[in-house]
């Protein structure tokens, strides 16, 4: 459930774009991201467990600034959703590139410290982060392509976005048990 809470600003913006002006939708995302990150920090969460929240705050701060600076920009309105997925893909792929999968900090809040140094623990988080990175990439590219080639495809873009969040959540919930079972069987 921690993953769902982390994505609340992204989900809220996805729902609000089209219902209200994009600049206000992005502003809501910014406020939610900042409030969520601050609340989690006050609750004692480490920064490495707040990668999604902090990256949301950065993305929505820039997006909100651009949207208010150029209020009639159809580009921002049309591609904000795809841009947010591609931003998350960049964060996820980047975390893998530097050897610190973004899911590691979150996993450390749910797994006893005795397991943190275990190679299986790290490998599981590399795999989970790669699945998220791939899903964000598919969502971003797919959403941009749908928006460009079929501008009225709101339903298809929504289904794609939901699928690209739901499937990695399911994978994240199930995969650690599968990996533990495989490691124990060896």
C-alpha atoms as a PDB file:
ATOM      1  CA  UNK A   1       0.000   0.000   0.000  1.00  0.00           C
ATOM      2  CA  UNK A   2       3.014   2.293   0.485  1.00  0.00           C
ATOM      3  CA  UNK A   3       3.501   2.273  -3.292  1.00  0.00           C
ATOM      4  CA  UNK A   4      -0.033   3.498  -3.886  1.00  0.00           C
ATOM      5  CA  UNK A   5       0.421   6.339  -1.382  1.00  0.00           C
ATOM      6  CA  UNK A   6       3.680   7.315  -3.126  1.00  0.00           C
ATOM      7  CA  UNK A   7       1.865   7.601  -6.447  1.00  0.00           C
ATOM      8  CA  UNK A   8      -1.056   9.648  -5.074  1.00  0.00           C
ATOM      9  CA  UNK A   9       0.137  12.949  -6.644  1.00  0.00           C
ATOM     10  CA  UNK A  10       0.615  11.257 -10.029  1.00  0.00           C
ATOM     11  CA  UNK A  11      -2.781   9.564  -9.832  1.00  0.00           C
ATOM     12  CA  UNK A  12      -4.507  12.788  -8.777  1.00  0.00           C
ATOM     13  CA  UNK A  13      -3.003  14.716 -11.686  1.00  0.00           C
ATOM     14  CA  UNK A  14      -3.961  11.957 -14.145  1.00  0.00           C
ATOM     15  CA  UNK A  15      -7.549  12.150 -12.937  1.00  0.00           C
ATOM     16  CA  UNK A  16      -7.657  15.956 -12.885  1.00  0.00           C
ATOM     17  CA  UNK A  17      -6.117  16.623 -16.315  1.00  0.00           C
ATOM     18  CA  UNK A  18      -9.056  17.202 -18.604  1.00  0.00           C
ATOM     19  CA  UNK A  19     -11.405  17.883 -15.695  1.00  0.00           C
ATOM     20  CA  UNK A  20      -9.695  21.151 -14.701  1.00  0.00           C
ATOM     21  CA  UNK A  21      -7.035  23.377 -16.287  1.00  0.00           C
ATOM     22  CA  UNK A  22      -3.735  21.556 -16.576  1.00  0.00           C
ATOM     23  CA  UNK A  23      -1.826  24.184 -14.601  1.00  0.00           C
ATOM     24  CA  UNK A  24      -4.134  23.711 -11.613  1.00  0.00           C
ATOM     25  CA  UNK A  25      -3.951  19.924 -11.936  1.00  0.00           C
ATOM     26  CA  UNK A  26      -0.145  20.176 -11.856  1.00  0.00           C
ATOM     27  CA  UNK A  27      -0.348  22.546  -8.878  1.00  0.00           C
ATOM     28  CA  UNK A  28      -2.483  19.996  -7.008  1.00  0.00           C
ATOM     29  CA  UNK A  29       0.168  17.356  -7.810  1.00  0.00           C
ATOM     30  CA  UNK A  30       2.896  19.645  -6.484  1.00  0.00           C
ATOM     31  CA  UNK A  31       1.043  20.371  -3.246  1.00  0.00           C
ATOM     32  CA  UNK A  32       0.240  16.683  -2.704  1.00  0.00           C
ATOM     33  CA  UNK A  33       3.849  15.646  -3.411  1.00  0.00           C
ATOM     34  CA  UNK A  34       5.293  18.197  -0.993  1.00  0.00           C
ATOM     35  CA  UNK A  35       2.758  17.419   1.756  1.00  0.00           C
ATOM     36  CA  UNK A  36       3.307  13.679   1.290  1.00  0.00           C
ATOM     37  CA  UNK A  37       7.119  13.959   1.369  1.00  0.00           C
ATOM     38  CA  UNK A  38       7.084  16.266   4.395  1.00  0.00           C
ATOM     39  CA  UNK A  39       4.656  14.006   6.246  1.00  0.00           C
ATOM     40  CA  UNK A  40       6.763  10.942   5.533  1.00  0.00           C
ATOM     41  CA  UNK A  41       9.953  12.724   6.662  1.00  0.00           C
ATOM     42  CA  UNK A  42       8.258  13.801   9.893  1.00  0.00           C
ATOM     43  CA  UNK A  43       7.239  10.180  10.406  1.00  0.00           C
ATOM     44  CA  UNK A  44      10.917   9.221  10.239  1.00  0.00           C
ATOM     45  CA  UNK A  45      11.215   7.925   6.694  1.00  0.00           C
ATOM     46  CA  UNK A  46      14.678   8.153   5.157  1.00  0.00           C
ATOM     47  CA  UNK A  47      15.214  10.128   1.951  1.00  0.00           C
ATOM     48  CA  UNK A  48      16.007   6.953  -0.008  1.00  0.00           C
ATOM     49  CA  UNK A  49      12.488   5.724   0.767  1.00  0.00           C
ATOM     50  CA  UNK A  50      11.017   8.913  -0.720  1.00  0.00           C
ATOM     51  CA  UNK A  51      12.401   8.777  -4.256  1.00  0.00           C
ATOM     52  CA  UNK A  52       8.947   8.791  -5.874  1.00  0.00           C
ATOM     53  CA  UNK A  53       7.632  11.578  -3.641  1.00  0.00           C
ATOM     54  CA  UNK A  54      10.689  13.817  -4.129  1.00  0.00           C
ATOM     55  CA  UNK A  55      10.795  13.187  -7.875  1.00  0.00           C
ATOM     56  CA  UNK A  56       7.080  14.060  -7.998  1.00  0.00           C
ATOM     57  CA  UNK A  57       7.745  17.344  -6.205  1.00  0.00           C
ATOM     58  CA  UNK A  58      10.516  18.217  -8.682  1.00  0.00           C
ATOM     59  CA  UNK A  59       8.474  17.223 -11.737  1.00  0.00           C
ATOM     60  CA  UNK A  60       5.334  19.046 -10.614  1.00  0.00           C
ATOM     61  CA  UNK A  61       7.295  22.142  -9.564  1.00  0.00           C
ATOM     62  CA  UNK A  62       8.821  22.407 -13.047  1.00  0.00           C
ATOM     63  CA  UNK A  63       5.557  21.454 -14.770  1.00  0.00           C
ATOM     64  CA  UNK A  64       3.538  23.932 -12.739  1.00  0.00           C
ATOM     65  CA  UNK A  65       6.070  26.678 -13.431  1.00  0.00           C
ATOM     66  CA  UNK A  66       5.960  26.027 -17.176  1.00  0.00           C
ATOM     67  CA  UNK A  67       2.158  25.736 -17.211  1.00  0.00           C
ATOM     68  CA  UNK A  68       1.724  29.078 -15.427  1.00  0.00           C
ATOM     69  CA  UNK A  69       4.451  30.787 -17.482  1.00  0.00           C
ATOM     70  CA  UNK A  70       2.841  29.649 -20.754  1.00  0.00           C
ATOM     71  CA  UNK A  71      -0.833  29.245 -19.778  1.00  0.00           C
ATOM     72  CA  UNK A  72      -2.108  28.648 -23.314  1.00  0.00           C
ATOM     73  CA  UNK A  73       0.374  25.887 -24.053  1.00  0.00           C
ATOM     74  CA  UNK A  74      -1.482  22.988 -25.634  1.00  0.00           C
ATOM     75  CA  UNK A  75       1.786  21.028 -25.504  1.00  0.00           C
ATOM     76  CA  UNK A  76       1.807  21.009 -21.692  1.00  0.00           C
ATOM     77  CA  UNK A  77      -1.820  19.958 -21.565  1.00  0.00           C
ATOM     78  CA  UNK A  78      -1.463  17.266 -24.209  1.00  0.00           C
ATOM     79  CA  UNK A  79       1.794  15.741 -23.054  1.00  0.00           C
ATOM     80  CA  UNK A  80       1.909  16.275 -19.259  1.00  0.00           C
ATOM     81  CA  UNK A  81       0.749  12.726 -18.609  1.00  0.00           C
ATOM     82  CA  UNK A  82       3.277  11.170 -20.996  1.00  0.00           C
ATOM     83  CA  UNK A  83       5.952  13.464 -19.604  1.00  0.00           C
ATOM     84  CA  UNK A  84       5.257  12.374 -16.052  1.00  0.00           C
ATOM     85  CA  UNK A  85       5.618   8.701 -16.982  1.00  0.00           C
ATOM     86  CA  UNK A  86       8.835   9.394 -18.877  1.00  0.00           C
ATOM     87  CA  UNK A  87      10.163  11.385 -15.901  1.00  0.00           C
ATOM     88  CA  UNK A  88       9.454   8.409 -13.627  1.00  0.00           C
ATOM     89  CA  UNK A  89      11.131   6.116 -16.174  1.00  0.00           C
ATOM     90  CA  UNK A  90      14.200   8.354 -16.100  1.00  0.00           C
ATOM     91  CA  UNK A  91      14.286   8.237 -12.293  1.00  0.00           C
ATOM     92  CA  UNK A  92      13.862   4.442 -12.229  1.00  0.00           C
ATOM     93  CA  UNK A  93      16.413   3.698 -14.988  1.00  0.00           C
ATOM     94  CA  UNK A  94      18.812   6.220 -13.421  1.00  0.00           C
ATOM     95  CA  UNK A  95      18.542   4.539 -10.024  1.00  0.00           C
ATOM     96  CA  UNK A  96      19.439   1.216 -11.650  1.00  0.00           C
ATOM     97  CA  UNK A  97      22.322   2.795 -13.552  1.00  0.00           C
ATOM     98  CA  UNK A  98      23.908   4.120 -10.352  1.00  0.00           C
ATOM     99  CA  UNK A  99      23.343   0.796  -8.576  1.00  0.00           C
ATOM    100  CA  UNK A 100      20.722   2.035  -6.096  1.00  0.00           C
ATOM    101  CA  UNK A 101      17.339   0.740  -7.271  1.00  0.00           C
ATOM    102  CA  UNK A 102      14.663   3.223  -6.238  1.00  0.00           C
ATOM    103  CA  UNK A 103      12.642   0.453  -4.563  1.00  0.00           C
ATOM    104  CA  UNK A 104      15.488  -0.337  -2.152  1.00  0.00           C
ATOM    105  CA  UNK A 105      14.665   2.463   0.293  1.00  0.00           C
ATOM    106  CA  UNK A 106      10.991   1.524   0.295  1.00  0.00           C
ATOM    107  CA  UNK A 107      11.813  -2.166   0.791  1.00  0.00           C
ATOM    108  CA  UNK A 108      14.020  -1.308   3.772  1.00  0.00           C
ATOM    109  CA  UNK A 109      10.963   0.125   5.525  1.00  0.00           C
ATOM    110  CA  UNK A 110       9.222  -3.254   5.173  1.00  0.00           C
ATOM    111  CA  UNK A 111      12.053  -5.781   5.643  1.00  0.00           C
ATOM    112  CA  UNK A 112      14.148  -6.331   8.794  1.00  0.00           C
ATOM    113  CA  UNK A 113      17.655  -4.787   8.667  1.00  0.00           C
ATOM    114  CA  UNK A 114      19.213  -8.250   8.960  1.00  0.00           C
ATOM    115  CA  UNK A 115      18.258  -8.917   5.320  1.00  0.00           C
ATOM    116  CA  UNK A 116      19.463  -5.633   3.788  1.00  0.00           C
ATOM    117  CA  UNK A 117      22.960  -6.942   3.020  1.00  0.00           C
ATOM    118  CA  UNK A 118      21.654 -10.147   1.473  1.00  0.00           C
ATOM    119  CA  UNK A 119      22.400 -10.355  -2.278  1.00  0.00           C
ATOM    120  CA  UNK A 120      18.904 -11.778  -2.881  1.00  0.00           C
ATOM    121  CA  UNK A 121      17.367  -8.679  -1.274  1.00  0.00           C
ATOM    122  CA  UNK A 122      19.353  -6.422  -3.597  1.00  0.00           C
ATOM    123  CA  UNK A 123      18.652  -8.575  -6.676  1.00  0.00           C
ATOM    124  CA  UNK A 124      14.928  -8.587  -5.920  1.00  0.00           C
ATOM    125  CA  UNK A 125      14.953  -4.788  -5.776  1.00  0.00           C
ATOM    126  CA  UNK A 126      16.918  -4.536  -9.017  1.00  0.00           C
ATOM    127  CA  UNK A 127      14.300  -6.725 -10.696  1.00  0.00           C
ATOM    128  CA  UNK A 128      11.351  -4.852  -9.206  1.00  0.00           C
ATOM    129  CA  UNK A 129      12.861  -1.468 -10.130  1.00  0.00           C
ATOM    130  CA  UNK A 130      13.490  -2.716 -13.686  1.00  0.00           C
ATOM    131  CA  UNK A 131       9.856  -3.800 -14.006  1.00  0.00           C
ATOM    132  CA  UNK A 132       8.716  -0.359 -12.815  1.00  0.00           C
ATOM    133  CA  UNK A 133      11.186   1.372 -15.162  1.00  0.00           C
ATOM    134  CA  UNK A 134       9.943  -0.657 -18.131  1.00  0.00           C
ATOM    135  CA  UNK A 135       6.328   0.017 -17.184  1.00  0.00           C
ATOM    136  CA  UNK A 136       6.927   3.774 -16.859  1.00  0.00           C
ATOM    137  CA  UNK A 137       8.661   3.728 -20.244  1.00  0.00           C
ATOM    138  CA  UNK A 138       5.792   1.866 -21.919  1.00  0.00           C
ATOM    139  CA  UNK A 139       3.272   4.209 -20.295  1.00  0.00           C
ATOM    140  CA  UNK A 140       5.127   7.354 -21.346  1.00  0.00           C
ATOM    141  CA  UNK A 141       5.870   6.323 -24.915  1.00  0.00           C
ATOM    142  CA  UNK A 142       2.443   4.720 -25.364  1.00  0.00           C
ATOM    143  CA  UNK A 143       0.631   7.733 -23.964  1.00  0.00           C
ATOM    144  CA  UNK A 144       2.604  10.154 -26.142  1.00  0.00           C
ATOM    145  CA  UNK A 145       2.005   8.000 -29.213  1.00  0.00           C
ATOM    146  CA  UNK A 146      -1.733   7.715 -28.495  1.00  0.00           C
ATOM    147  CA  UNK A 147      -1.994  11.454 -27.873  1.00  0.00           C
ATOM    148  CA  UNK A 148      -0.167  12.230 -31.111  1.00  0.00           C
ATOM    149  CA  UNK A 149      -1.758   9.637 -33.403  1.00  0.00           C
ATOM    150  CA  UNK A 150      -5.248   9.481 -31.872  1.00  0.00           C
ATOM    151  CA  UNK A 151      -5.902  12.729 -29.965  1.00  0.00           C
ATOM    152  CA  UNK A 152      -9.337  11.603 -28.778  1.00  0.00           C
ATOM    153  CA  UNK A 153      -8.050   8.417 -27.186  1.00  0.00           C
ATOM    154  CA  UNK A 154      -8.574   9.490 -23.570  1.00  0.00           C
ATOM    155  CA  UNK A 155      -9.985   6.109 -22.542  1.00  0.00           C
ATOM    156  CA  UNK A 156      -7.104   4.181 -24.116  1.00  0.00           C
ATOM    157  CA  UNK A 157      -4.550   6.440 -22.398  1.00  0.00           C
ATOM    158  CA  UNK A 158      -6.311   6.019 -19.057  1.00  0.00           C
ATOM    159  CA  UNK A 159      -6.394   2.233 -19.431  1.00  0.00           C
ATOM    160  CA  UNK A 160      -2.707   2.227 -20.381  1.00  0.00           C
ATOM    161  CA  UNK A 161      -1.794   4.383 -17.374  1.00  0.00           C
ATOM    162  CA  UNK A 162      -3.807   2.257 -14.945  1.00  0.00           C
ATOM    163  CA  UNK A 163      -2.356  -0.976 -16.353  1.00  0.00           C
ATOM    164  CA  UNK A 164       1.170   0.428 -16.147  1.00  0.00           C
ATOM    165  CA  UNK A 165       0.675   1.142 -12.455  1.00  0.00           C
ATOM    166  CA  UNK A 166      -1.424  -1.888 -11.472  1.00  0.00           C
ATOM    167  CA  UNK A 167       0.790  -4.536 -13.090  1.00  0.00           C
ATOM    168  CA  UNK A 168       4.036  -3.432 -11.418  1.00  0.00           C
ATOM    169  CA  UNK A 169       2.217  -3.137  -8.080  1.00  0.00           C
ATOM    170  CA  UNK A 170       1.052  -6.741  -8.423  1.00  0.00           C
ATOM    171  CA  UNK A 171       4.559  -7.803  -9.454  1.00  0.00           C
ATOM    172  CA  UNK A 172       6.064  -5.915  -6.494  1.00  0.00           C
ATOM    173  CA  UNK A 173       3.709  -7.622  -4.068  1.00  0.00           C
ATOM    174  CA  UNK A 174       4.262 -11.144  -5.414  1.00  0.00           C
ATOM    175  CA  UNK A 175       7.837 -11.276  -6.670  1.00  0.00           C
ATOM    176  CA  UNK A 176       9.740 -11.130  -3.331  1.00  0.00           C
ATOM    177  CA  UNK A 177       8.045 -14.334  -2.160  1.00  0.00           C
ATOM    178  CA  UNK A 178       8.828 -16.047  -5.468  1.00  0.00           C
ATOM    179  CA  UNK A 179      12.481 -14.940  -5.298  1.00  0.00           C
ATOM    180  CA  UNK A 180      12.807 -16.083  -1.659  1.00  0.00           C
ATOM    181  CA  UNK A 181      11.336 -19.471  -2.538  1.00  0.00           C
ATOM    182  CA  UNK A 182      13.789 -19.861  -5.440  1.00  0.00           C
ATOM    183  CA  UNK A 183      16.744 -18.835  -3.283  1.00  0.00           C
ATOM    184  CA  UNK A 184      15.737 -21.248  -0.524  1.00  0.00           C
ATOM    185  CA  UNK A 185      15.287 -24.111  -3.005  1.00  0.00           C
ATOM    186  CA  UNK A 186      18.899 -23.803  -4.236  1.00  0.00           C
END
